[in-house]
Protein backbone atom coordinates (compact mmCIF):
# COMPACT_ATOMS: atom_id res chain seq x y z
CA GLU A 1 -16.88 -31.78 10.34
CA GLU A 2 -15.30 -28.32 10.74
CA ALA A 3 -14.83 -28.81 14.76
CA GLY A 4 -11.36 -27.75 15.80
CA PRO A 5 -9.56 -25.49 17.96
CA GLY A 6 -10.55 -22.32 15.82
CA LYS A 7 -14.05 -23.66 15.57
CA ALA A 8 -14.99 -24.76 19.05
CA PRO A 9 -14.49 -21.09 20.83
CA SER A 10 -16.30 -19.39 18.11
CA ARG A 11 -19.42 -21.08 19.14
CA ALA A 12 -19.74 -20.17 22.65
CA PRO A 13 -20.92 -16.78 22.97
CA PRO A 14 -18.34 -15.73 25.73
CA ASP A 15 -15.55 -16.96 24.03
CA ALA A 16 -16.55 -15.80 20.23
CA ARG A 17 -16.00 -12.21 22.08
CA ASP A 18 -12.55 -13.03 22.76
CA VAL A 19 -11.66 -15.23 19.65
CA LYS A 20 -13.03 -12.52 16.97
CA PRO A 21 -10.47 -9.92 17.43
CA ALA A 22 -7.88 -12.51 17.31
CA GLU A 23 -9.20 -14.15 14.14
CA ALA A 24 -9.87 -10.40 12.63
CA LYS A 25 -6.17 -9.72 13.48
CA GLU A 26 -4.94 -12.98 11.81
CA LYS A 27 -7.10 -12.13 8.98
CA ALA A 28 -5.71 -8.52 8.47
CA LYS A 29 -2.03 -10.09 8.80
CA PRO A 30 -2.09 -11.73 5.65
CA LYS A 31 -3.79 -8.95 3.74
CA GLU A 32 -0.92 -6.38 5.00
CA ALA A 33 1.64 -8.85 4.05
CA ASP A 34 0.14 -9.44 0.68
CA ALA A 35 -0.37 -5.46 0.06
CA GLY A 36 3.02 -4.52 1.55
CA ASP A 37 6.07 -5.18 -0.46
CA SER A 38 9.45 -6.35 1.12
CA PHE A 39 11.49 -3.05 1.14
CA THR A 40 13.56 -1.34 3.83
CA PHE A 41 13.49 2.75 3.72
CA ALA A 42 16.25 4.39 4.51
CA ALA A 43 15.88 6.59 7.52
CA SER A 44 16.26 10.31 7.03
CA SER A 45 15.65 9.82 3.16
CA TYR A 46 12.98 11.38 0.89
CA TYR A 47 10.77 9.25 -1.04
CA VAL A 48 7.81 10.11 -3.63
CA VAL A 49 4.25 8.87 -2.16
CA VAL A 50 2.49 8.43 -5.36
CA GLN A 51 -1.07 7.34 -4.10
CA HIS A 52 -3.14 6.49 -1.20
CA PHE A 53 -5.61 3.65 -1.35
CA ARG A 54 -8.40 2.15 0.84
CA ILE A 55 -7.45 -1.06 2.28
CA ARG A 56 -10.23 -2.56 0.45
CA ASP A 57 -8.70 -1.18 -3.12
CA ARG A 58 -5.77 -3.31 -2.71
CA ASP A 59 -6.24 -4.51 -6.11
CA ARG A 60 -6.30 -1.06 -7.59
CA ALA A 61 -2.67 -0.46 -5.69
CA VAL A 62 -1.50 -3.49 -7.18
CA ALA A 63 -2.57 -2.20 -10.60
CA ALA A 64 -0.94 1.09 -10.39
CA LYS A 65 2.08 -0.25 -8.87
CA GLU A 66 2.62 -2.70 -11.92
CA PHE A 67 1.63 0.38 -14.54
CA LEU A 68 4.69 2.50 -12.94
CA ARG A 69 6.97 -0.13 -12.86
CA SER A 70 6.25 -0.95 -16.79
CA LYS A 71 7.25 2.72 -16.98
CA GLY A 72 10.32 2.17 -15.19
CA VAL A 73 9.43 3.62 -11.89
CA GLU A 74 10.04 0.95 -9.00
CA CYS A 75 7.38 1.08 -6.15
CA VAL A 76 6.12 -0.85 -3.31
CA ILE A 77 2.94 -0.77 -1.65
CA ARG A 78 3.02 -0.31 2.15
CA PRO A 79 0.37 0.07 5.07
CA GLY A 80 0.61 3.80 6.36
CA GLY A 81 -1.94 5.78 8.02
CA GLY A 82 -4.69 3.54 8.21
CA ASP A 83 -4.66 2.85 4.25
CA LEU A 84 -2.57 1.68 1.64
CA GLU A 85 0.46 3.96 0.30
CA LEU A 86 2.13 3.43 -2.97
CA VAL A 87 5.49 4.58 -2.59
CA ALA A 88 8.57 5.18 -5.25
CA THR A 89 11.77 3.14 -4.06
CA GLU A 90 14.12 5.88 -5.06
CA ALA A 91 15.67 7.67 -2.15
CA PHE A 92 16.51 11.30 -2.17
CA THR A 93 18.40 13.46 0.08
CA SER A 94 15.83 16.41 0.06
CA GLU A 95 12.51 17.22 -0.99
CA PRO A 96 13.67 19.55 -3.80
CA ALA A 97 15.89 16.66 -5.09
CA ALA A 98 12.95 14.30 -5.65
CA HIS A 99 11.10 17.02 -7.56
CA GLU A 100 12.02 15.65 -11.10
CA LEU A 101 10.58 12.11 -9.88
CA VAL A 102 7.35 13.71 -8.66
CA LYS A 103 7.05 15.66 -11.91
CA ARG A 104 7.59 12.22 -13.82
CA VAL A 105 4.98 10.55 -11.88
CA LEU A 106 2.50 13.29 -12.13
CA GLY A 107 3.01 13.02 -16.22
CA LEU A 108 2.58 9.20 -15.91
CA GLY A 109 -0.73 9.60 -13.75
CA LYS A 110 -2.03 11.52 -16.80
CA GLU A 111 -1.26 8.56 -18.81
CA TYR A 112 -2.46 6.20 -16.22
CA TRP A 113 -5.70 8.03 -16.11
CA ASN A 114 -6.55 8.12 -19.88
CA SER A 115 -5.61 4.46 -20.15
CA GLY A 116 -8.67 3.87 -17.45
CA GLY A 117 -6.37 3.36 -14.45
CA GLY A 118 -8.93 5.53 -12.33
CA TYR A 119 -5.96 7.70 -10.87
CA GLU A 120 -3.77 10.58 -11.61
CA PHE A 121 -1.49 10.58 -8.85
CA THR A 122 -2.09 14.27 -8.44
CA GLY A 123 -1.09 14.05 -4.67
CA ALA A 124 2.05 12.84 -5.27
CA LYS A 125 4.54 14.41 -3.22
CA ALA A 126 8.13 13.87 -1.69
CA ARG A 127 7.98 12.83 1.97
CA LYS A 128 10.80 12.36 4.60
CA PHE A 129 10.66 8.72 6.06
């Protein structure tokens, strides 16, 4: 019933070793695509990295993103450093220029934590992309 190009090789032990990494990569690609929003970061600009999330906590990253968007802070989720990063999309010319947004995100983090969001965004900081 489920015999097909993808199934036949996975039943043979030598091929299974070759197919499983490929299957794992294929399964990982949609997760990254789902988790990563379409946004192009301007080179040499500073952006506020709000929070890092483990890959398995993608749903929490999405919830935090939606919370910040509801408060007027546009942001995206992108793969980064082996995990997911929630990054505000407003570009700045320097780290000090981003300071006000960092302060705002920290304040919103307290509100998010108090509402049961599970994160305070205490590690929010400007980073050059």
